[in-house]
Amino acid sequence: MAPGKYVANKITIKWATNRSQNTPLKIQAICRKSYIVTLLQSVAIIRARRQFMIKMNNIVKSFGGQPVLSDVTFETREKEIFGLLGPSGAGKTTIINILTNQLDADGGSHSIGATPFETGLMLDEDGLYPRLNCLENLNVFAGIYGIPRNKSMEALKRVHLEDASRKAVNTLSKGMRQRLALARAILHEPTVLFLDEPTSGLDPVTARGIHKLIQTLRENGATIFLTTHNMDEAVKLCDRIALLHRGKIVEQGAPAEICQRHNAVKTVPDLEAVFIKLTGVELE
């Protein structure tokens, strides 16, 4: 190789010749320094991109000529719990479907800082196999993800369903079925987790158990996108929230800060009072 500059993997490498042997040296110190600087710059770019794990910019969507999302814009930071709050029919599930590429938007852009295999979903339609038992259901998905089957029982234990591992899904109560859907969503330890109304219709004890697990997942590094119409749940769990009404985001930020802006802090932040003030509608 002759003396000079060569470009490999977008990094300029300078080669020098040994005066006595006329052979290239491995890499001069200046080249090593350049490589380190380039590497650090690349890490900084990756971190900047991952600072916001979920992004939506000016998303619009209509069904049959009827607008359901209008100029929806928000960002979810890495390792936070972000809550999307609004009544039934506000467009929460539509947003999740667009973010997970199950539905195309009519306009705008969106991105997730994770691959499909790094993403977990717990949606309204759980997609479980009703005739299979709990463990068999998780083993199916373990095979899809290419992870060991022993992870299935670990996931059941995390949602306290290990004693029901041999029960068929069609014999489970609603609360047990929701916990199984959550176990499936976290089976592969996703980087980004979408939870669509995870505690809807559950008794308080079961709901508290799911809340605790969600907080543990965040502490372990997951970014969690949560939809709910339960304002108390949002205050307890979420780092930041967006209030959605008729397909439009009417307010967003940290729950306590939102309530302070709208003078809705009594003994605790009252997000429902803020929502009613902004929209004139009570949550259902």
C-alpha atoms as a PDB file:
ATOM      1  CA  MET A   1       0.000   0.000   0.000  1.00  0.00           C
ATOM      2  CA  ALA A   2       1.468   3.351  -1.020  1.00  0.00           C
ATOM      3  CA  PRO A   3       1.746   6.266   1.393  1.00  0.00           C
ATOM      4  CA  GLY A   4      -1.302   8.505   1.419  1.00  0.00           C
ATOM      5  CA  LYS A   5      -4.896   8.686   2.596  1.00  0.00           C
ATOM      6  CA  TYR A   6      -7.461   5.903   2.308  1.00  0.00           C
ATOM      7  CA  VAL A   7     -11.108   5.944   3.257  1.00  0.00           C
ATOM      8  CA  ALA A   8     -12.569   2.871   4.970  1.00  0.00           C
ATOM      9  CA  ASN A   9     -15.978   2.822   6.582  1.00  0.00           C
ATOM     10  CA  LYS A  10     -16.156   6.621   6.223  1.00  0.00           C
ATOM     11  CA  ILE A  11     -13.000   7.062   8.344  1.00  0.00           C
ATOM     12  CA  THR A  12      -9.936   8.629   6.726  1.00  0.00           C
ATOM     13  CA  ILE A  13      -6.840   6.601   7.598  1.00  0.00           C
ATOM     14  CA  LYS A  14      -3.358   7.974   7.058  1.00  0.00           C
ATOM     15  CA  TRP A  15      -0.630   5.490   6.233  1.00  0.00           C
ATOM     16  CA  ALA A  16       3.066   6.233   6.562  1.00  0.00           C
ATOM     17  CA  THR A  17       6.112   4.367   5.362  1.00  0.00           C
ATOM     18  CA  ASN A  18       8.933   3.059   7.468  1.00  0.00           C
ATOM     19  CA  ARG A  19      12.015   4.876   6.279  1.00  0.00           C
ATOM     20  CA  SER A  20      14.240   1.819   6.546  1.00  0.00           C
ATOM     21  CA  GLN A  21      11.899  -0.887   5.211  1.00  0.00           C
ATOM     22  CA  ASN A  22       9.500   1.178   3.064  1.00  0.00           C
ATOM     23  CA  THR A  23       6.498  -0.736   4.515  1.00  0.00           C
ATOM     24  CA  PRO A  24       3.326   0.761   5.904  1.00  0.00           C
ATOM     25  CA  LEU A  25       3.089   1.214   9.637  1.00  0.00           C
ATOM     26  CA  LYS A  26      -0.099  -0.117  11.292  1.00  0.00           C
ATOM     27  CA  ILE A  27      -1.737   3.214  12.001  1.00  0.00           C
ATOM     28  CA  GLN A  28      -0.035   6.345  13.233  1.00  0.00           C
ATOM     29  CA  ALA A  29      -1.064   7.948  16.473  1.00  0.00           C
ATOM     30  CA  ILE A  30      -2.825  10.698  14.572  1.00  0.00           C
ATOM     31  CA  CYS A  31      -4.986   8.093  12.875  1.00  0.00           C
ATOM     32  CA  ARG A  32      -5.866   6.415  16.171  1.00  0.00           C
ATOM     33  CA  LYS A  33      -6.826   9.796  17.583  1.00  0.00           C
ATOM     34  CA  SER A  34      -8.976  10.502  14.532  1.00  0.00           C
ATOM     35  CA  TYR A  35     -10.686   7.116  14.895  1.00  0.00           C
ATOM     36  CA  ILE A  36     -11.436   7.718  18.574  1.00  0.00           C
ATOM     37  CA  VAL A  37     -12.862  11.169  17.840  1.00  0.00           C
ATOM     38  CA  THR A  38     -15.014   9.748  15.042  1.00  0.00           C
ATOM     39  CA  LEU A  39     -16.208   6.929  17.306  1.00  0.00           C
ATOM     40  CA  LEU A  40     -17.153   9.368  20.057  1.00  0.00           C
ATOM     41  CA  GLN A  41     -19.009  11.518  17.545  1.00  0.00           C
ATOM     42  CA  SER A  42     -20.927   8.455  16.352  1.00  0.00           C
ATOM     43  CA  VAL A  43     -21.865   7.557  19.932  1.00  0.00           C
ATOM     44  CA  ALA A  44     -23.080  11.122  20.497  1.00  0.00           C
ATOM     45  CA  ILE A  45     -25.241  10.948  17.366  1.00  0.00           C
ATOM     46  CA  ILE A  46     -26.736   7.614  18.454  1.00  0.00           C
ATOM     47  CA  ARG A  47     -27.475   9.004  21.913  1.00  0.00           C
ATOM     48  CA  ALA A  48     -29.079  12.094  20.408  1.00  0.00           C
ATOM     49  CA  ARG A  49     -31.257   9.927  18.200  1.00  0.00           C
ATOM     50  CA  ARG A  50     -32.225   7.676  21.093  1.00  0.00           C
ATOM     51  CA  GLN A  51     -32.917  10.590  23.446  1.00  0.00           C
ATOM     52  CA  PHE A  52     -36.419  10.546  21.994  1.00  0.00           C
ATOM     53  CA  MET A  53     -37.420   6.917  21.578  1.00  0.00           C
ATOM     54  CA  ILE A  54     -40.834   7.680  20.077  1.00  0.00           C
ATOM     55  CA  LYS A  55     -41.665  10.676  17.895  1.00  0.00           C
ATOM     56  CA  MET A  56     -44.735  11.884  16.042  1.00  0.00           C
ATOM     57  CA  ASN A  57     -44.685  15.001  13.900  1.00  0.00           C
ATOM     58  CA  ASN A  58     -47.861  16.575  12.494  1.00  0.00           C
ATOM     59  CA  ILE A  59     -49.680  13.261  12.052  1.00  0.00           C
ATOM     60  CA  VAL A  60     -53.096  13.395  10.413  1.00  0.00           C
ATOM     61  CA  LYS A  61     -55.505  10.527   9.761  1.00  0.00           C
ATOM     62  CA  SER A  62     -59.058  10.223   8.461  1.00  0.00           C
ATOM     63  CA  PHE A  63     -61.487   7.350   8.049  1.00  0.00           C
ATOM     64  CA  GLY A  64     -64.130   7.708   5.372  1.00  0.00           C
ATOM     65  CA  GLY A  65     -63.463  11.412   5.110  1.00  0.00           C
ATOM     66  CA  GLN A  66     -63.907  11.879   8.859  1.00  0.00           C
ATOM     67  CA  PRO A  67     -60.765  13.272  10.593  1.00  0.00           C
ATOM     68  CA  VAL A  68     -59.662  11.177  13.577  1.00  0.00           C
ATOM     69  CA  LEU A  69     -56.179  12.665  14.150  1.00  0.00           C
ATOM     70  CA  SER A  70     -55.259  16.295  13.497  1.00  0.00           C
ATOM     71  CA  ASP A  71     -51.647  17.532  13.558  1.00  0.00           C
ATOM     72  CA  VAL A  72     -50.563  15.210  16.393  1.00  0.00           C
ATOM     73  CA  THR A  73     -47.031  15.972  17.584  1.00  0.00           C
ATOM     74  CA  PHE A  74     -45.187  14.635  20.640  1.00  0.00           C
ATOM     75  CA  GLU A  75     -41.924  13.019  21.718  1.00  0.00           C
ATOM     76  CA  THR A  76     -41.243  10.270  24.240  1.00  0.00           C
ATOM     77  CA  ARG A  77     -37.858  10.278  25.933  1.00  0.00           C
ATOM     78  CA  GLU A  78     -35.736   7.216  26.533  1.00  0.00           C
ATOM     79  CA  LYS A  79     -36.502   5.312  29.742  1.00  0.00           C
ATOM     80  CA  GLU A  80     -39.635   7.252  30.632  1.00  0.00           C
ATOM     81  CA  ILE A  81     -43.295   6.397  31.025  1.00  0.00           C
ATOM     82  CA  PHE A  82     -45.291   8.551  28.624  1.00  0.00           C
ATOM     83  CA  GLY A  83     -49.050   8.637  29.006  1.00  0.00           C
ATOM     84  CA  LEU A  84     -51.555   9.376  26.260  1.00  0.00           C
ATOM     85  CA  LEU A  85     -54.795  10.331  27.991  1.00  0.00           C
ATOM     86  CA  GLY A  86     -58.241  10.781  26.584  1.00  0.00           C
ATOM     87  CA  PRO A  87     -61.769   9.373  26.533  1.00  0.00           C
ATOM     88  CA  SER A  88     -62.842   6.422  24.413  1.00  0.00           C
ATOM     89  CA  GLY A  89     -62.811   7.364  20.737  1.00  0.00           C
ATOM     90  CA  ALA A  90     -60.237  10.142  21.147  1.00  0.00           C
ATOM     91  CA  GLY A  91     -57.752   8.387  18.838  1.00  0.00           C
ATOM     92  CA  LYS A  92     -55.378   6.738  21.307  1.00  0.00           C
ATOM     93  CA  THR A  93     -55.414   3.269  19.716  1.00  0.00           C
ATOM     94  CA  THR A  94     -55.112   4.796  16.246  1.00  0.00           C
ATOM     95  CA  ILE A  95     -51.902   6.523  17.339  1.00  0.00           C
ATOM     96  CA  ILE A  96     -50.448   3.227  18.597  1.00  0.00           C
ATOM     97  CA  ASN A  97     -51.414   1.489  15.352  1.00  0.00           C
ATOM     98  CA  ILE A  98     -49.642   4.170  13.327  1.00  0.00           C
ATOM     99  CA  LEU A  99     -46.533   4.124  15.513  1.00  0.00           C
ATOM    100  CA  THR A 100     -46.273   0.335  15.191  1.00  0.00           C
ATOM    101  CA  ASN A 101     -46.844   0.425  11.415  1.00  0.00           C
ATOM    102  CA  GLN A 102     -50.147  -1.419  11.591  1.00  0.00           C
ATOM    103  CA  LEU A 103     -51.842   1.596  10.018  1.00  0.00           C
ATOM    104  CA  ASP A 104     -50.624   4.264   7.606  1.00  0.00           C
ATOM    105  CA  ALA A 105     -51.039   7.936   8.436  1.00  0.00           C
ATOM    106  CA  ASP A 106     -52.396  10.313   5.807  1.00  0.00           C
ATOM    107  CA  GLY A 107     -49.671  12.834   6.557  1.00  0.00           C
ATOM    108  CA  GLY A 108     -46.805  13.658   8.908  1.00  0.00           C
ATOM    109  CA  SER A 109     -43.943  11.479  10.129  1.00  0.00           C
ATOM    110  CA  HIS A 110     -43.194   9.156  13.027  1.00  0.00           C
ATOM    111  CA  SER A 111     -40.333   7.020  14.314  1.00  0.00           C
ATOM    112  CA  ILE A 112     -39.419   4.541  17.053  1.00  0.00           C
ATOM    113  CA  GLY A 113     -35.850   4.071  18.283  1.00  0.00           C
ATOM    114  CA  ALA A 114     -36.204   0.294  18.386  1.00  0.00           C
ATOM    115  CA  THR A 115     -36.604  -2.589  15.960  1.00  0.00           C
ATOM    116  CA  PRO A 116     -39.831  -4.643  15.822  1.00  0.00           C
ATOM    117  CA  PHE A 117     -38.103  -7.362  17.859  1.00  0.00           C
ATOM    118  CA  GLU A 118     -37.198  -4.746  20.496  1.00  0.00           C
ATOM    119  CA  THR A 119     -40.825  -3.634  20.758  1.00  0.00           C
ATOM    120  CA  GLY A 120     -43.545  -5.089  22.987  1.00  0.00           C
ATOM    121  CA  LEU A 121     -47.298  -4.662  22.486  1.00  0.00           C
ATOM    122  CA  MET A 122     -50.252  -5.085  24.805  1.00  0.00           C
ATOM    123  CA  LEU A 123     -53.328  -4.040  22.839  1.00  0.00           C
ATOM    124  CA  ASP A 124     -57.082  -4.240  23.318  1.00  0.00           C
ATOM    125  CA  GLU A 125     -57.207  -7.389  21.179  1.00  0.00           C
ATOM    126  CA  ASP A 126     -54.712  -9.585  22.973  1.00  0.00           C
ATOM    127  CA  GLY A 127     -54.104 -12.089  20.155  1.00  0.00           C
ATOM    128  CA  LEU A 128     -53.838 -15.016  22.563  1.00  0.00           C
ATOM    129  CA  TYR A 129     -54.704 -18.576  21.519  1.00  0.00           C
ATOM    130  CA  PRO A 130     -57.812 -19.442  23.567  1.00  0.00           C
ATOM    131  CA  ARG A 131     -57.443 -23.254  23.448  1.00  0.00           C
ATOM    132  CA  LEU A 132     -53.799 -23.247  24.513  1.00  0.00           C
ATOM    133  CA  ASN A 133     -52.822 -22.858  28.128  1.00  0.00           C
ATOM    134  CA  CYS A 134     -50.837 -19.908  29.464  1.00  0.00           C
ATOM    135  CA  LEU A 135     -47.432 -21.546  29.190  1.00  0.00           C
ATOM    136  CA  GLU A 136     -48.127 -22.900  25.701  1.00  0.00           C
ATOM    137  CA  ASN A 137     -49.146 -19.429  24.536  1.00  0.00           C
ATOM    138  CA  LEU A 138     -45.892 -17.896  25.729  1.00  0.00           C
ATOM    139  CA  ASN A 139     -43.868 -20.775  24.283  1.00  0.00           C
ATOM    140  CA  VAL A 140     -45.331 -20.004  20.859  1.00  0.00           C
ATOM    141  CA  PHE A 141     -44.058 -16.446  21.072  1.00  0.00           C
ATOM    142  CA  ALA A 142     -40.740 -17.524  22.565  1.00  0.00           C
ATOM    143  CA  GLY A 143     -40.248 -19.567  19.404  1.00  0.00           C
ATOM    144  CA  ILE A 144     -41.101 -16.550  17.245  1.00  0.00           C
ATOM    145  CA  TYR A 145     -38.612 -14.367  19.105  1.00  0.00           C
ATOM    146  CA  GLY A 146     -35.976 -17.094  19.141  1.00  0.00           C
ATOM    147  CA  ILE A 147     -35.537 -17.045  22.912  1.00  0.00           C
ATOM    148  CA  PRO A 148     -35.305 -19.998  25.348  1.00  0.00           C
ATOM    149  CA  ARG A 149     -38.605 -21.452  26.548  1.00  0.00           C
ATOM    150  CA  ASN A 150     -37.612 -21.038  30.183  1.00  0.00           C
ATOM    151  CA  LYS A 151     -38.259 -17.327  29.628  1.00  0.00           C
ATOM    152  CA  SER A 152     -41.963 -18.180  29.373  1.00  0.00           C
ATOM    153  CA  MET A 153     -42.235 -19.296  32.981  1.00  0.00           C
ATOM    154  CA  GLU A 154     -40.148 -16.319  34.093  1.00  0.00           C
ATOM    155  CA  ALA A 155     -42.633 -13.991  32.410  1.00  0.00           C
ATOM    156  CA  LEU A 156     -45.577 -15.773  34.048  1.00  0.00           C
ATOM    157  CA  LYS A 157     -43.945 -15.345  37.440  1.00  0.00           C
ATOM    158  CA  ARG A 158     -43.507 -11.613  36.843  1.00  0.00           C
ATOM    159  CA  VAL A 159     -47.293 -11.250  36.448  1.00  0.00           C
ATOM    160  CA  HIS A 160     -48.058 -13.816  39.184  1.00  0.00           C
ATOM    161  CA  LEU A 161     -49.588 -16.405  36.847  1.00  0.00           C
ATOM    162  CA  GLU A 162     -47.179 -19.270  37.472  1.00  0.00           C
ATOM    163  CA  ASP A 163     -49.885 -21.250  39.297  1.00  0.00           C
ATOM    164  CA  ALA A 164     -52.172 -20.859  36.263  1.00  0.00           C
ATOM    165  CA  SER A 165     -49.567 -21.935  33.724  1.00  0.00           C
ATOM    166  CA  ARG A 166     -51.581 -25.042  32.719  1.00  0.00           C
ATOM    167  CA  LYS A 167     -54.944 -23.278  32.494  1.00  0.00           C
ATOM    168  CA  ALA A 168     -56.449 -22.760  29.050  1.00  0.00           C
ATOM    169  CA  VAL A 169     -56.833 -19.113  28.069  1.00  0.00           C
ATOM    170  CA  ASN A 170     -60.571 -19.508  27.480  1.00  0.00           C
ATOM    171  CA  THR A 171     -61.026 -20.398  31.168  1.00  0.00           C
ATOM    172  CA  LEU A 172     -59.217 -17.310  32.529  1.00  0.00           C
ATOM    173  CA  SER A 173     -60.871 -14.317  34.132  1.00  0.00           C
ATOM    174  CA  LYS A 174     -60.492 -10.933  32.431  1.00  0.00           C
ATOM    175  CA  GLY A 175     -57.824  -9.866  34.896  1.00  0.00           C
ATOM    176  CA  MET A 176     -55.807 -13.053  34.425  1.00  0.00           C
ATOM    177  CA  ARG A 177     -56.080 -12.774  30.658  1.00  0.00           C
ATOM    178  CA  GLN A 178     -54.807  -9.192  30.756  1.00  0.00           C
ATOM    179  CA  ARG A 179     -51.874 -10.255  32.903  1.00  0.00           C
ATOM    180  CA  LEU A 180     -51.092 -13.011  30.411  1.00  0.00           C
ATOM    181  CA  ALA A 181     -51.167 -10.463  27.570  1.00  0.00           C
ATOM    182  CA  LEU A 182     -48.737  -8.339  29.547  1.00  0.00           C
ATOM    183  CA  ALA A 183     -46.490 -11.363  30.134  1.00  0.00           C
ATOM    184  CA  ARG A 184     -46.405 -11.948  26.393  1.00  0.00           C
ATOM    185  CA  ALA A 185     -45.571  -8.273  25.767  1.00  0.00           C
ATOM    186  CA  ILE A 186     -42.550  -8.349  28.117  1.00  0.00           C
ATOM    187  CA  LEU A 187     -41.445 -11.907  27.288  1.00  0.00           C
ATOM    188  CA  HIS A 188     -38.504 -10.774  25.130  1.00  0.00           C
ATOM    189  CA  GLU A 189     -37.549  -7.831  27.400  1.00  0.00           C
ATOM    190  CA  PRO A 190     -38.425  -5.084  24.904  1.00  0.00           C
ATOM    191  CA  THR A 191     -36.741  -1.700  24.734  1.00  0.00           C
ATOM    192  CA  VAL A 192     -40.033   0.021  23.904  1.00  0.00           C
ATOM    193  CA  LEU A 193     -43.338  -1.182  25.345  1.00  0.00           C
ATOM    194  CA  PHE A 194     -46.802  -0.076  24.190  1.00  0.00           C
ATOM    195  CA  LEU A 195     -49.611  -0.631  26.687  1.00  0.00           C
ATOM    196  CA  ASP A 196     -53.146   0.178  25.534  1.00  0.00           C
ATOM    197  CA  GLU A 197     -55.413   0.603  28.575  1.00  0.00           C
ATOM    198  CA  PRO A 198     -53.548  -2.113  30.543  1.00  0.00           C
ATOM    199  CA  THR A 199     -55.684  -1.852  33.692  1.00  0.00           C
ATOM    200  CA  SER A 200     -59.094  -1.170  32.134  1.00  0.00           C
ATOM    201  CA  GLY A 201     -61.812  -3.039  34.032  1.00  0.00           C
ATOM    202  CA  LEU A 202     -59.441  -4.586  36.553  1.00  0.00           C
ATOM    203  CA  ASP A 203     -59.967  -4.702  40.296  1.00  0.00           C
ATOM    204  CA  PRO A 204     -57.780  -2.323  42.363  1.00  0.00           C
ATOM    205  CA  VAL A 205     -55.464  -5.050  43.675  1.00  0.00           C
ATOM    206  CA  THR A 206     -54.683  -6.422  40.205  1.00  0.00           C
ATOM    207  CA  ALA A 207     -54.268  -2.887  38.843  1.00  0.00           C
ATOM    208  CA  ARG A 208     -51.762  -2.019  41.574  1.00  0.00           C
ATOM    209  CA  GLY A 209     -49.772  -5.132  40.727  1.00  0.00           C
ATOM    210  CA  ILE A 210     -49.573  -4.084  37.072  1.00  0.00           C
ATOM    211  CA  HIS A 211     -48.582  -0.550  38.107  1.00  0.00           C
ATOM    212  CA  LYS A 212     -45.711  -1.940  40.155  1.00  0.00           C
ATOM    213  CA  LEU A 213     -44.526  -4.097  37.251  1.00  0.00           C
ATOM    214  CA  ILE A 214     -44.670  -1.138  34.844  1.00  0.00           C
ATOM    215  CA  GLN A 215     -42.517   0.914  37.193  1.00  0.00           C
ATOM    216  CA  THR A 216     -40.033  -1.954  37.511  1.00  0.00           C
ATOM    217  CA  LEU A 217     -39.799  -2.272  33.725  1.00  0.00           C
ATOM    218  CA  ARG A 218     -38.998   1.425  33.444  1.00  0.00           C
ATOM    219  CA  GLU A 219     -36.358   1.129  36.183  1.00  0.00           C
ATOM    220  CA  ASN A 220     -34.794  -1.703  34.167  1.00  0.00           C
ATOM    221  CA  GLY A 221     -34.442   0.567  31.131  1.00  0.00           C
ATOM    222  CA  ALA A 222     -37.643   0.234  29.103  1.00  0.00           C
ATOM    223  CA  THR A 223     -39.432   3.157  27.501  1.00  0.00           C
ATOM    224  CA  ILE A 224     -43.167   2.760  28.087  1.00  0.00           C
ATOM    225  CA  PHE A 225     -45.977   4.320  26.057  1.00  0.00           C
ATOM    226  CA  LEU A 226     -49.216   4.038  28.005  1.00  0.00           C
ATOM    227  CA  THR A 227     -52.750   4.912  26.956  1.00  0.00           C
ATOM    228  CA  THR A 228     -55.419   5.385  29.585  1.00  0.00           C
ATOM    229  CA  HIS A 229     -58.502   7.374  30.481  1.00  0.00           C
ATOM    230  CA  ASN A 230     -57.695   6.987  34.185  1.00  0.00           C
ATOM    231  CA  MET A 231     -56.219  10.310  35.308  1.00  0.00           C
ATOM    232  CA  ASP A 232     -55.189   9.022  38.729  1.00  0.00           C
ATOM    233  CA  GLU A 233     -53.248   6.221  37.053  1.00  0.00           C
ATOM    234  CA  ALA A 234     -51.489   8.761  34.832  1.00  0.00           C
ATOM    235  CA  VAL A 235     -50.456  10.944  37.768  1.00  0.00           C
ATOM    236  CA  LYS A 236     -49.107   7.928  39.629  1.00  0.00           C
ATOM    237  CA  LEU A 237     -47.183   6.338  36.760  1.00  0.00           C
ATOM    238  CA  CYS A 238     -46.268   8.838  34.058  1.00  0.00           C
ATOM    239  CA  ASP A 239     -43.247  11.108  33.780  1.00  0.00           C
ATOM    240  CA  ARG A 240     -44.971  13.090  31.042  1.00  0.00           C
ATOM    241  CA  ILE A 241     -48.397  12.972  29.412  1.00  0.00           C
ATOM    242  CA  ALA A 242     -50.368  14.293  26.458  1.00  0.00           C
ATOM    243  CA  LEU A 243     -54.091  15.034  26.687  1.00  0.00           C
ATOM    244  CA  LEU A 244     -55.941  13.926  23.548  1.00  0.00           C
ATOM    245  CA  HIS A 245     -59.416  15.179  22.645  1.00  0.00           C
ATOM    246  CA  ARG A 246     -61.148  14.422  19.335  1.00  0.00           C
ATOM    247  CA  GLY A 247     -57.858  13.600  17.671  1.00  0.00           C
ATOM    248  CA  LYS A 248     -56.024  16.711  18.855  1.00  0.00           C
ATOM    249  CA  ILE A 249     -53.462  17.106  21.619  1.00  0.00           C
ATOM    250  CA  VAL A 250     -54.726  19.920  23.814  1.00  0.00           C
ATOM    251  CA  GLU A 251     -51.944  19.878  26.427  1.00  0.00           C
ATOM    252  CA  GLN A 252     -48.751  17.977  27.249  1.00  0.00           C
ATOM    253  CA  GLY A 253     -45.963  17.917  29.824  1.00  0.00           C
ATOM    254  CA  ALA A 254     -45.317  16.569  33.317  1.00  0.00           C
ATOM    255  CA  PRO A 255     -48.627  15.930  35.166  1.00  0.00           C
ATOM    256  CA  ALA A 256     -47.813  18.212  38.099  1.00  0.00           C
ATOM    257  CA  GLU A 257     -46.644  21.024  35.796  1.00  0.00           C
ATOM    258  CA  ILE A 258     -49.805  20.798  33.690  1.00  0.00           C
ATOM    259  CA  CYS A 259     -51.988  21.004  36.777  1.00  0.00           C
ATOM    260  CA  GLN A 260     -50.011  23.991  38.091  1.00  0.00           C
ATOM    261  CA  ARG A 261     -50.427  25.815  34.774  1.00  0.00           C
ATOM    262  CA  HIS A 262     -54.181  25.397  35.025  1.00  0.00           C
ATOM    263  CA  ASN A 263     -54.515  25.937  38.790  1.00  0.00           C
ATOM    264  CA  ALA A 264     -55.729  22.367  39.283  1.00  0.00           C
ATOM    265  CA  VAL A 265     -53.665  21.327  42.299  1.00  0.00           C
ATOM    266  CA  LYS A 266     -55.541  20.613  45.487  1.00  0.00           C
ATOM    267  CA  THR A 267     -53.952  18.049  47.755  1.00  0.00           C
ATOM    268  CA  VAL A 268     -52.818  16.187  44.618  1.00  0.00           C
ATOM    269  CA  PRO A 269     -52.673  17.173  40.909  1.00  0.00           C
ATOM    270  CA  ASP A 270     -56.147  16.971  39.359  1.00  0.00           C
ATOM    271  CA  LEU A 271     -55.697  16.105  35.681  1.00  0.00           C
ATOM    272  CA  GLU A 272     -59.378  15.448  35.164  1.00  0.00           C
ATOM    273  CA  ALA A 273     -60.158  19.026  36.164  1.00  0.00           C
ATOM    274  CA  VAL A 274     -57.635  20.228  33.578  1.00  0.00           C
ATOM    275  CA  PHE A 275     -59.177  18.042  30.877  1.00  0.00           C
ATOM    276  CA  ILE A 276     -62.687  19.296  31.625  1.00  0.00           C
ATOM    277  CA  LYS A 277     -61.432  22.895  31.603  1.00  0.00           C
ATOM    278  CA  LEU A 278     -59.764  22.467  28.206  1.00  0.00           C
ATOM    279  CA  THR A 279     -62.427  20.389  26.470  1.00  0.00           C
ATOM    280  CA  GLY A 280     -65.677  20.765  28.391  1.00  0.00           C
ATOM    281  CA  VAL A 281     -65.922  16.967  28.392  1.00  0.00           C
ATOM    282  CA  GLU A 282     -65.681  14.499  31.246  1.00  0.00           C
ATOM    283  CA  LEU A 283     -63.655  11.342  30.824  1.00  0.00           C
ATOM    284  CA  GLU A 284     -65.632   8.132  30.453  1.00  0.00           C
END
